[in-house]
């Protein structure tokens, strides 16, 4: 079995457009030749089997080249998060120990401090040259192809090792379960260093479809590409969709080619879904994680419209069981931890056997995500296990509260966490970013939530902020929100 996707596509569809980058199309034949040149150059440099090669850059065609070259040189694609601070990058590089680092101009200074030989992407095509081909490495299903960083809100990210088996399984199951077609086109605006690249770009390459790669997410540029190239699929996180809806070009952009949009990372608020529905774009909710695919569930458009909170049912060849802490399956409607099994699971965390053993147990991945099944068997995510808190003896899930807040028309963004309380043990803290020009007050926000949530779930504290603090991976730093709020309370001489 071959895992050389570039060679397969070049043999079957060499002249078909594959990637639109920097104003031009690259065919599958051209991508195969670029990947072969990169593999040959890496071999000539003496980079060995399963050595890590990293990219520290915003989206660039080199990310695609290196991913496709893995099966030709048996190197491991280990991209770095360019949003991390220099201190964080040095820590991650010390963990991964890359043999070579490709970087863009914006990160040249920090790249020079990471302990690996560097290649500037401005010189990349000339550096590739025309080397002798690398020998066939004959990679197997369990050999490592990628190491992707997991984005935590505290501590150093872990490196999730993704084998060739995982990539092939995710691509096949996503293509069939999501109904992807070889005439589809998606704009890749999410960061290449992130697992989100595997959501659509990887399956579309396996299928022989088309991807438009953008250096960064820019709403105007994104809408222009959707219009000019006739994009059929949209995949982003809710914040990016919101930026599109808020842009002045949104109302006049031609979105008629879009079959559907899928949101990952967090639920899409009702006002945002309505804004796209008014433009004829229907939404699905997706779920996945770096350690599993990244795609784990599928939902049809009809069910997605009736149940916008649901991610649907497991994709092909995937099993999903919601479990109690002792491992017993939960009853329908009961909240427990989502566990997954199937060929799309990762191999483990790079050089972290204890963390691997905690996540992978008897062939099941314990995701840390809390979920429940409705009476039809459709699954809903309700939050992270570590984020749940107990208020007056009742379990409270911050994600459920945030989802309700997202439906408030004057809330631009929000996050929910907990703070200590003398009476209830813990109570909710909602950090709210108001929409521009909106007039919000804490009592009004709580009144809005009381019509949607049980009383014990309504946050005792509503804190208005100009922006939510986020990590290098774009996740909200709830601990910082909590600490800042408590510090402000202490400075004011009050108790939370």
Protein backbone atom coordinates (compact mmCIF):
# COMPACT_ATOMS: atom_id res chain seq x y z
CA UNK A 1 0.00 0.00 0.00
CA UNK A 2 1.38 3.41 -0.95
CA UNK A 3 0.97 6.48 1.24
CA UNK A 4 2.55 8.75 -1.38
CA UNK A 5 -0.51 10.88 -2.10
CA UNK A 6 1.41 13.21 -4.43
CA UNK A 7 2.64 10.34 -6.62
CA UNK A 8 -0.81 8.75 -6.77
CA UNK A 9 -2.56 11.95 -7.78
CA UNK A 10 0.17 12.78 -10.31
CA UNK A 11 -0.33 9.37 -11.91
CA UNK A 12 -4.13 9.64 -12.02
CA UNK A 13 -4.84 13.38 -12.42
CA UNK A 14 -1.52 15.09 -13.26
CA UNK A 15 -3.05 18.11 -15.03
CA UNK A 16 -5.88 18.76 -12.60
CA UNK A 17 -5.57 22.00 -10.59
CA UNK A 18 -4.71 21.22 -6.98
CA UNK A 19 -3.62 24.32 -5.05
CA UNK A 20 -4.18 27.98 -5.76
CA UNK A 21 -1.29 29.91 -4.21
CA UNK A 22 0.09 33.39 -4.76
CA UNK A 23 -2.26 34.09 -7.66
CA UNK A 24 -1.72 30.87 -9.66
CA UNK A 25 -2.80 27.26 -9.78
CA UNK A 26 -0.40 24.37 -9.16
CA UNK A 27 -1.44 21.04 -10.68
CA UNK A 28 -1.13 17.69 -8.97
CA UNK A 29 1.75 16.87 -11.30
CA UNK A 30 3.53 20.06 -10.26
CA UNK A 31 2.98 19.31 -6.56
CA UNK A 32 4.47 15.83 -7.00
CA UNK A 33 7.56 17.27 -8.67
CA UNK A 34 7.97 19.86 -5.89
CA UNK A 35 7.60 17.21 -3.20
CA UNK A 36 10.13 14.97 -4.97
CA UNK A 37 12.63 17.83 -5.16
CA UNK A 38 12.19 18.55 -1.46
CA UNK A 39 12.62 14.86 -0.57
CA UNK A 40 15.78 14.72 -2.65
CA UNK A 41 17.17 17.84 -1.01
CA UNK A 42 16.45 16.49 2.49
CA UNK A 43 18.12 13.19 1.62
CA UNK A 44 21.17 15.02 0.24
CA UNK A 45 21.45 16.93 3.52
CA UNK A 46 21.67 13.66 5.43
CA UNK A 47 18.35 14.01 7.20
CA UNK A 48 17.50 10.54 8.44
CA UNK A 49 14.38 8.41 8.62
CA UNK A 50 11.81 9.93 11.04
CA UNK A 51 13.87 13.04 11.74
CA UNK A 52 11.67 16.07 12.32
CA UNK A 53 11.55 18.91 9.80
CA UNK A 54 9.71 22.04 10.95
CA UNK A 55 8.10 25.08 9.36
CA UNK A 56 7.84 28.33 11.30
CA UNK A 57 5.69 30.46 9.04
CA UNK A 58 2.24 31.62 8.27
CA UNK A 59 0.45 29.64 5.57
CA UNK A 60 2.79 28.92 2.67
CA UNK A 61 3.06 26.37 -0.13
CA UNK A 62 6.08 24.92 1.68
CA UNK A 63 3.69 23.45 4.25
CA UNK A 64 2.03 21.47 1.46
CA UNK A 65 5.38 20.50 -0.09
CA UNK A 66 6.68 19.13 3.21
CA UNK A 67 3.50 17.24 4.03
CA UNK A 68 3.55 15.58 0.60
CA UNK A 69 7.32 14.91 0.83
CA UNK A 70 6.99 12.92 4.05
CA UNK A 71 6.12 9.71 2.19
CA UNK A 72 9.02 10.26 -0.23
CA UNK A 73 11.70 10.86 2.42
CA UNK A 74 10.27 9.34 5.64
CA UNK A 75 10.80 12.62 7.46
CA UNK A 76 8.25 13.85 9.98
CA UNK A 77 6.36 17.09 9.28
CA UNK A 78 6.47 19.00 12.59
CA UNK A 79 5.15 22.55 12.04
CA UNK A 80 5.60 25.18 14.73
CA UNK A 81 2.97 27.63 15.86
CA UNK A 82 4.08 31.12 14.71
CA UNK A 83 1.76 32.69 17.29
CA UNK A 84 3.85 31.39 20.18
CA UNK A 85 6.26 33.69 21.98
CA UNK A 86 10.02 33.25 21.43
CA UNK A 87 10.31 31.64 24.87
CA UNK A 88 7.54 29.16 24.05
CA UNK A 89 9.03 28.41 20.63
CA UNK A 90 12.43 27.64 22.12
CA UNK A 91 10.82 25.26 24.59
CA UNK A 92 8.86 23.45 21.85
CA UNK A 93 11.91 23.27 19.58
CA UNK A 94 13.95 21.76 22.41
CA UNK A 95 11.28 19.08 22.73
CA UNK A 96 10.96 18.30 18.99
CA UNK A 97 14.66 18.77 18.07
CA UNK A 98 14.04 19.46 14.35
CA UNK A 99 16.91 18.73 11.94
CA UNK A 100 15.87 21.57 9.64
CA UNK A 101 13.69 24.64 10.02
CA UNK A 102 11.97 26.47 7.17
CA UNK A 103 10.85 29.97 8.11
CA UNK A 104 9.33 33.12 6.65
CA UNK A 105 10.79 36.62 6.96
CA UNK A 106 8.54 37.54 9.88
CA UNK A 107 10.10 34.80 12.02
CA UNK A 108 13.71 34.89 10.84
CA UNK A 109 15.04 36.34 14.09
CA UNK A 110 13.46 33.79 16.41
CA UNK A 111 14.18 30.93 13.96
CA UNK A 112 17.89 31.62 14.36
CA UNK A 113 17.60 30.89 18.10
CA UNK A 114 15.89 27.49 17.85
CA UNK A 115 18.99 25.33 17.44
CA UNK A 116 18.40 23.95 13.92
CA UNK A 117 19.78 24.84 10.47
CA UNK A 118 17.40 27.25 8.77
CA UNK A 119 16.13 27.95 5.27
CA UNK A 120 14.36 31.22 4.50
CA UNK A 121 11.22 30.71 2.45
CA UNK A 122 12.18 33.71 0.34
CA UNK A 123 15.05 31.53 -0.96
CA UNK A 124 13.13 28.27 -0.83
CA UNK A 125 12.61 27.54 -4.54
CA UNK A 126 16.23 28.24 -5.36
CA UNK A 127 17.34 26.15 -2.36
CA UNK A 128 15.32 23.18 -3.61
CA UNK A 129 17.34 23.07 -6.82
CA UNK A 130 17.25 19.84 -8.81
CA UNK A 131 18.66 17.15 -6.50
CA UNK A 132 18.87 13.44 -7.19
CA UNK A 133 15.70 11.60 -6.14
CA UNK A 134 15.53 10.21 -2.64
CA UNK A 135 15.34 6.39 -2.40
CA UNK A 136 11.89 4.95 -1.71
CA UNK A 137 11.56 4.92 2.09
CA UNK A 138 8.70 2.36 2.04
CA UNK A 139 6.84 3.88 4.95
CA UNK A 140 4.24 1.75 6.72
CA UNK A 141 0.87 2.45 8.34
CA UNK A 142 2.24 2.93 11.87
CA UNK A 143 5.24 5.03 10.89
CA UNK A 144 5.03 8.67 12.02
CA UNK A 145 4.07 11.22 9.36
CA UNK A 146 3.32 14.31 11.45
CA UNK A 147 3.76 15.72 14.91
CA UNK A 148 1.15 18.40 15.56
CA UNK A 149 1.15 20.51 18.69
CA UNK A 150 -1.88 20.34 20.93
CA UNK A 151 -2.97 23.78 22.04
CA UNK A 152 -3.46 23.88 25.79
CA UNK A 153 -4.15 26.97 27.86
CA UNK A 154 -1.54 26.13 30.49
CA UNK A 155 1.84 24.44 30.28
CA UNK A 156 3.86 23.40 27.23
CA UNK A 157 1.95 21.94 24.28
CA UNK A 158 2.29 18.21 23.71
CA UNK A 159 3.25 16.77 20.33
CA UNK A 160 0.58 14.42 18.95
CA UNK A 161 2.19 11.81 16.70
CA UNK A 162 0.02 11.07 13.65
CA UNK A 163 0.94 7.96 11.64
CA UNK A 164 0.24 7.38 7.94
CA UNK A 165 -2.60 5.06 8.91
CA UNK A 166 -4.35 7.92 10.66
CA UNK A 167 -4.08 10.32 7.73
CA UNK A 168 -5.44 7.78 5.25
CA UNK A 169 -8.30 6.74 7.54
CA UNK A 170 -9.35 10.32 8.25
CA UNK A 171 -9.28 11.26 4.57
CA UNK A 172 -11.33 8.25 3.46
CA UNK A 173 -13.90 8.48 6.24
CA UNK A 174 -14.31 12.24 5.85
CA UNK A 175 -14.74 12.00 2.09
CA UNK A 176 -17.47 9.38 2.36
CA UNK A 177 -19.17 10.61 5.54
CA UNK A 178 -19.24 14.28 4.58
CA UNK A 179 -20.08 13.66 0.94
CA UNK A 180 -17.02 15.40 -0.51
CA UNK A 181 -16.68 15.50 -4.31
CA UNK A 182 -13.75 15.74 -6.70
CA UNK A 183 -15.13 19.03 -8.03
CA UNK A 184 -15.17 20.62 -4.57
CA UNK A 185 -13.05 23.64 -3.71
CA UNK A 186 -12.26 24.97 -0.25
CA UNK A 187 -10.32 28.04 0.82
CA UNK A 188 -7.68 27.05 3.40
CA UNK A 189 -7.58 30.09 5.69
CA UNK A 190 -7.09 28.30 8.99
CA UNK A 191 -3.41 27.96 10.01
CA UNK A 192 -1.44 25.16 8.33
CA UNK A 193 0.40 24.38 11.56
CA UNK A 194 -2.92 23.43 13.12
CA UNK A 195 -4.87 20.17 12.93
CA UNK A 196 -7.59 22.11 11.10
CA UNK A 197 -5.61 21.55 7.90
CA UNK A 198 -6.64 17.90 8.13
CA UNK A 199 -10.34 18.81 8.26
CA UNK A 200 -10.74 19.56 4.54
CA UNK A 201 -7.39 20.14 2.82
CA UNK A 202 -6.02 16.65 3.44
CA UNK A 203 -9.19 14.80 2.35
CA UNK A 204 -9.51 17.02 -0.72
CA UNK A 205 -5.95 16.17 -1.77
CA UNK A 206 -6.68 12.46 -1.43
CA UNK A 207 -9.79 12.98 -3.53
CA UNK A 208 -8.13 15.07 -6.22
CA UNK A 209 -10.20 18.19 -5.53
CA UNK A 210 -9.00 21.81 -5.19
CA UNK A 211 -7.74 24.00 -2.35
CA UNK A 212 -7.04 27.73 -2.34
CA UNK A 213 -4.31 28.49 0.21
CA UNK A 214 -4.14 31.96 1.74
CA UNK A 215 -1.14 33.34 3.71
CA UNK A 216 -3.39 34.63 6.49
CA UNK A 217 -7.09 34.98 7.11
CA UNK A 218 -8.30 38.24 5.64
CA UNK A 219 -12.10 38.58 5.32
CA UNK A 220 -12.00 40.64 2.13
CA UNK A 221 -9.51 38.31 0.45
CA UNK A 222 -11.44 35.25 1.59
CA UNK A 223 -14.74 36.52 0.21
CA UNK A 224 -13.04 37.48 -3.05
CA UNK A 225 -11.60 33.97 -3.47
CA UNK A 226 -14.94 32.32 -2.71
CA UNK A 227 -16.51 34.54 -5.38
CA UNK A 228 -13.79 34.34 -8.05
CA UNK A 229 -12.88 30.66 -7.70
CA UNK A 230 -16.37 29.34 -6.92
CA UNK A 231 -15.63 27.74 -3.56
CA UNK A 232 -18.10 24.99 -2.69
CA UNK A 233 -17.16 24.37 0.95
CA UNK A 234 -16.27 26.62 3.86
CA UNK A 235 -14.48 25.50 7.02
CA UNK A 236 -13.44 27.88 9.79
CA UNK A 237 -13.93 28.61 13.46
CA UNK A 238 -16.86 30.82 14.58
CA UNK A 239 -14.67 33.89 15.13
CA UNK A 240 -13.58 33.79 11.49
CA UNK A 241 -17.15 33.34 10.26
CA UNK A 242 -18.15 36.32 12.41
CA UNK A 243 -15.42 38.44 10.83
CA UNK A 244 -16.80 37.53 7.41
CA UNK A 245 -20.36 38.43 8.40
CA UNK A 246 -19.20 41.76 9.84
CA UNK A 247 -17.22 42.74 6.75
CA UNK A 248 -18.61 45.34 4.38
CA UNK A 249 -18.18 42.98 1.39
CA UNK A 250 -20.28 40.20 2.91
CA UNK A 251 -23.65 41.47 1.69
CA UNK A 252 -22.55 41.69 -1.94
CA UNK A 253 -20.19 38.72 -2.21
CA UNK A 254 -21.40 35.90 -4.46
CA UNK A 255 -21.75 32.84 -2.19
CA UNK A 256 -23.99 30.91 -4.56
CA UNK A 257 -21.38 28.22 -5.22
CA UNK A 258 -21.13 27.22 -1.52
CA UNK A 259 -22.80 23.87 -0.82
CA UNK A 260 -22.39 24.17 2.95
CA UNK A 261 -20.21 25.60 5.69
CA UNK A 262 -18.89 23.70 8.66
CA UNK A 263 -17.82 25.29 11.91
CA UNK A 264 -15.28 23.74 14.25
CA UNK A 265 -13.74 24.62 17.57
CA UNK A 266 -16.92 25.99 19.17
CA UNK A 267 -20.65 26.22 18.44
CA UNK A 268 -21.81 28.90 16.01
CA UNK A 269 -24.11 31.49 17.65
CA UNK A 270 -27.66 31.76 16.33
CA UNK A 271 -27.27 35.34 14.99
CA UNK A 272 -24.23 34.23 13.02
CA UNK A 273 -25.98 31.19 11.56
CA UNK A 274 -28.89 33.43 10.60
CA UNK A 275 -26.57 35.89 8.87
CA UNK A 276 -25.24 33.13 6.63
CA UNK A 277 -28.69 31.60 6.13
CA UNK A 278 -29.82 34.98 4.80
CA UNK A 279 -27.06 34.64 2.18
CA UNK A 280 -28.15 31.10 1.32
CA UNK A 281 -25.33 29.30 3.15
CA UNK A 282 -26.31 26.38 5.38
CA UNK A 283 -24.27 25.40 8.42
CA UNK A 284 -23.08 22.16 9.96
CA UNK A 285 -21.37 21.80 13.31
CA UNK A 286 -18.16 19.76 13.35
CA UNK A 287 -16.12 18.12 16.07
CA UNK A 288 -12.63 16.76 16.12
CA UNK A 289 -9.34 16.95 17.95
CA UNK A 290 -5.70 16.68 16.99
CA UNK A 291 -5.46 13.22 18.52
CA UNK A 292 -8.32 11.79 16.45
CA UNK A 293 -8.37 12.60 12.86
CA UNK A 294 -9.30 15.49 13.02
CA UNK A 295 -12.88 14.72 11.93
CA UNK A 296 -14.94 12.42 14.15
CA UNK A 297 -18.64 13.08 13.41
CA UNK A 298 -20.94 13.77 10.49
CA UNK A 299 -24.36 15.38 10.30
CA UNK A 300 -26.74 16.01 7.41
CA UNK A 301 -28.00 19.50 6.66
CA UNK A 302 -31.56 18.77 7.75
CA UNK A 303 -30.53 17.51 11.16
CA UNK A 304 -28.03 20.35 11.51
CA UNK A 305 -30.82 22.87 10.94
CA UNK A 306 -33.07 21.22 13.53
CA UNK A 307 -30.28 20.56 16.04
CA UNK A 308 -27.62 23.26 15.67
CA UNK A 309 -26.11 22.15 18.97
CA UNK A 310 -25.39 18.63 17.67
CA UNK A 311 -22.38 17.25 15.79
CA UNK A 312 -24.40 14.23 14.65
CA UNK A 313 -23.04 10.69 14.66
CA UNK A 314 -19.61 9.04 14.33
CA UNK A 315 -18.06 8.97 10.87
CA UNK A 316 -17.35 5.66 9.16
CA UNK A 317 -15.09 3.20 11.00
CA UNK A 318 -15.38 5.21 14.23
CA UNK A 319 -16.97 4.20 17.51
CA UNK A 320 -18.02 6.74 20.10
CA UNK A 321 -19.06 5.88 23.66
CA UNK A 322 -19.89 8.38 26.40
CA UNK A 323 -18.59 7.04 29.69
CA UNK A 324 -18.76 7.56 33.42
CA UNK A 325 -15.47 7.96 35.32
CA UNK A 326 -15.41 4.18 36.00
CA UNK A 327 -15.62 3.44 32.27
CA UNK A 328 -19.25 2.31 32.22
CA UNK A 329 -21.32 3.68 29.31
CA UNK A 330 -23.71 6.51 30.13
CA UNK A 331 -27.44 6.32 29.56
CA UNK A 332 -29.04 8.55 26.89
CA UNK A 333 -29.24 12.11 28.19
CA UNK A 334 -26.57 11.47 30.84
CA UNK A 335 -23.41 13.59 30.62
CA UNK A 336 -20.09 11.78 30.55
CA UNK A 337 -16.69 11.80 28.88
CA UNK A 338 -16.54 11.13 25.16
CA UNK A 339 -14.31 8.21 24.20
CA UNK A 340 -13.42 7.31 20.62
CA UNK A 341 -12.04 4.23 18.88
CA UNK A 342 -11.02 3.67 15.28
CA UNK A 343 -8.16 3.80 12.75
CA UNK A 344 -8.05 7.61 12.89
CA UNK A 345 -6.54 7.77 16.40
CA UNK A 346 -3.03 9.10 16.95
CA UNK A 347 -0.09 6.96 18.07
CA UNK A 348 0.59 8.89 21.26
CA UNK A 349 2.35 11.99 22.54
CA UNK A 350 5.93 12.46 21.41
CA UNK A 351 8.26 11.10 24.10
CA UNK A 352 5.55 11.34 26.77
CA UNK A 353 4.53 7.77 27.67
CA UNK A 354 2.64 8.76 30.82
CA UNK A 355 0.43 11.26 28.99
CA UNK A 356 -0.09 8.71 26.21
CA UNK A 357 -1.18 6.01 28.66
CA UNK A 358 -3.63 8.42 30.26
CA UNK A 359 -5.23 9.33 26.92
CA UNK A 360 -5.18 5.91 25.18
CA UNK A 361 -6.71 3.12 27.25
CA UNK A 362 -7.46 -0.31 25.79
CA UNK A 363 -7.78 1.09 22.28
CA UNK A 364 -9.98 4.02 23.29
CA UNK A 365 -9.09 7.70 23.31
CA UNK A 366 -10.41 9.53 26.36
CA UNK A 367 -10.94 12.96 24.85
CA UNK A 368 -11.52 15.02 27.98
CA UNK A 369 -14.68 16.37 26.33
CA UNK A 370 -18.04 15.96 28.03
CA UNK A 371 -21.00 14.96 25.88
CA UNK A 372 -24.46 13.46 25.90
CA UNK A 373 -26.76 11.66 23.45
CA UNK A 374 -30.28 12.82 22.76
CA UNK A 375 -33.24 10.48 22.30
CA UNK A 376 -32.42 10.08 18.57
CA UNK A 377 -28.81 9.12 19.16
CA UNK A 378 -27.32 12.44 18.04
CA UNK A 379 -24.42 13.72 20.11
CA UNK A 380 -23.90 17.13 21.69
CA UNK A 381 -20.73 18.43 23.33
CA UNK A 382 -21.27 20.21 26.63
CA UNK A 383 -17.75 21.22 27.65
CA UNK A 384 -14.34 20.07 28.83
CA UNK A 385 -14.05 17.75 31.82
CA UNK A 386 -11.47 20.02 33.47
CA UNK A 387 -13.70 23.08 33.00
CA UNK A 388 -16.76 21.69 34.81
CA UNK A 389 -17.38 23.14 38.26
CA UNK A 390 -19.80 22.37 41.09
CA UNK A 391 -22.02 25.13 42.44
CA UNK A 392 -24.18 24.29 45.42
CA UNK A 393 -23.84 20.59 44.66
CA UNK A 394 -24.86 20.94 40.98
CA UNK A 395 -22.58 20.26 38.01
CA UNK A 396 -22.19 23.33 35.80
CA UNK A 397 -20.69 23.25 32.30
CA UNK A 398 -19.24 26.58 31.13
CA UNK A 399 -19.61 25.70 27.45
CA UNK A 400 -23.38 25.39 27.87
CA UNK A 401 -23.56 28.87 29.37
CA UNK A 402 -21.28 30.34 26.71
CA UNK A 403 -23.45 28.82 23.98
CA UNK A 404 -26.51 30.53 25.46
CA UNK A 405 -24.64 33.83 25.73
CA UNK A 406 -23.54 33.55 22.11
CA UNK A 407 -27.18 33.83 21.09
CA UNK A 408 -27.46 37.30 22.64
CA UNK A 409 -27.54 39.76 19.73
CA UNK A 410 -25.31 42.30 21.55
CA UNK A 411 -22.59 39.84 22.61
CA UNK A 412 -19.60 39.81 20.26
CA UNK A 413 -17.63 37.19 22.22
CA UNK A 414 -17.70 35.55 25.61
CA UNK A 415 -16.10 32.99 27.87
CA UNK A 416 -17.30 31.39 31.09
CA UNK A 417 -15.28 30.05 34.00
CA UNK A 418 -15.72 29.73 37.77
CA UNK A 419 -14.56 31.64 40.84
CA UNK A 420 -14.73 30.72 44.54
CA UNK A 421 -17.85 31.67 46.49
CA UNK A 422 -18.37 31.57 50.27
CA UNK A 423 -21.93 30.28 50.01
CA UNK A 424 -22.01 28.06 46.93
CA UNK A 425 -18.41 26.86 46.77
CA UNK A 426 -18.03 28.02 43.18
CA UNK A 427 -20.10 30.28 40.94
CA UNK A 428 -19.94 31.29 37.33
CA UNK A 429 -17.97 34.19 35.91
CA UNK A 430 -18.97 35.33 32.42
CA UNK A 431 -16.48 37.53 30.57
CA UNK A 432 -18.39 39.38 27.85
CA UNK A 433 -17.16 41.44 24.90
CA UNK A 434 -20.07 43.69 23.82
CA UNK A 435 -20.73 44.41 20.16
CA UNK A 436 -19.65 47.84 19.00
CA UNK A 437 -22.22 50.41 20.03
CA UNK A 438 -24.21 48.00 22.20
CA UNK A 439 -25.28 48.93 25.71
CA UNK A 440 -25.09 45.93 28.02
CA UNK A 441 -25.30 45.62 31.78
CA UNK A 442 -24.82 42.64 34.07
CA UNK A 443 -28.46 42.45 35.15
CA UNK A 444 -29.62 42.44 31.53
CA UNK A 445 -27.22 39.65 30.63
CA UNK A 446 -28.35 37.54 33.58
CA UNK A 447 -32.02 38.18 32.72
CA UNK A 448 -31.35 36.97 29.19
CA UNK A 449 -29.79 33.77 30.51
CA UNK A 450 -32.55 33.11 33.07
CA UNK A 451 -34.94 32.50 30.19
CA UNK A 452 -32.64 29.83 28.79
CA UNK A 453 -30.85 28.16 31.71
CA UNK A 454 -31.59 26.80 35.15
CA UNK A 455 -31.02 29.35 37.88
CA UNK A 456 -27.90 27.68 39.31
CA UNK A 457 -26.24 27.89 35.87
CA UNK A 458 -26.67 31.66 35.51
CA UNK A 459 -23.29 33.30 36.32
CA UNK A 460 -23.23 35.32 39.51
CA UNK A 461 -20.60 37.61 38.00
CA UNK A 462 -20.66 39.27 34.57
CA UNK A 463 -17.43 41.01 33.69
CA UNK A 464 -17.24 43.20 30.56
CA UNK A 465 -13.90 43.18 28.72
CA UNK A 466 -12.58 44.75 25.51
CA UNK A 467 -11.16 41.42 24.28
CA UNK A 468 -10.69 37.87 25.49
CA UNK A 469 -7.09 36.80 26.24
CA UNK A 470 -6.00 33.89 24.05
CA UNK A 471 -3.08 31.49 23.92
CA UNK A 472 -0.70 31.08 20.99
CA UNK A 473 -3.07 28.44 19.60
CA UNK A 474 -6.02 30.82 19.81
CA UNK A 475 -7.72 29.27 22.84
CA UNK A 476 -9.26 31.51 25.47
CA UNK A 477 -7.15 31.75 28.63
CA UNK A 478 -9.88 31.25 31.20
CA UNK A 479 -7.38 31.06 34.04
CA UNK A 480 -6.19 34.58 33.21
CA UNK A 481 -9.79 35.81 33.13
CA UNK A 482 -10.35 34.31 36.57
CA UNK A 483 -7.12 35.69 38.00
CA UNK A 484 -7.71 39.17 36.59
CA UNK A 485 -11.24 39.26 37.98
CA UNK A 486 -10.17 38.09 41.42
CA UNK A 487 -7.31 40.59 41.46
CA UNK A 488 -9.70 43.41 40.58
CA UNK A 489 -12.09 42.30 43.33
CA UNK A 490 -9.29 42.20 45.87
CA UNK A 491 -8.04 45.64 44.84
CA UNK A 492 -11.55 47.00 45.29
CA UNK A 493 -11.70 45.49 48.75
CA UNK A 494 -14.56 43.16 47.94
CA UNK A 495 -15.08 39.42 47.94
CA UNK A 496 -16.20 37.51 44.87
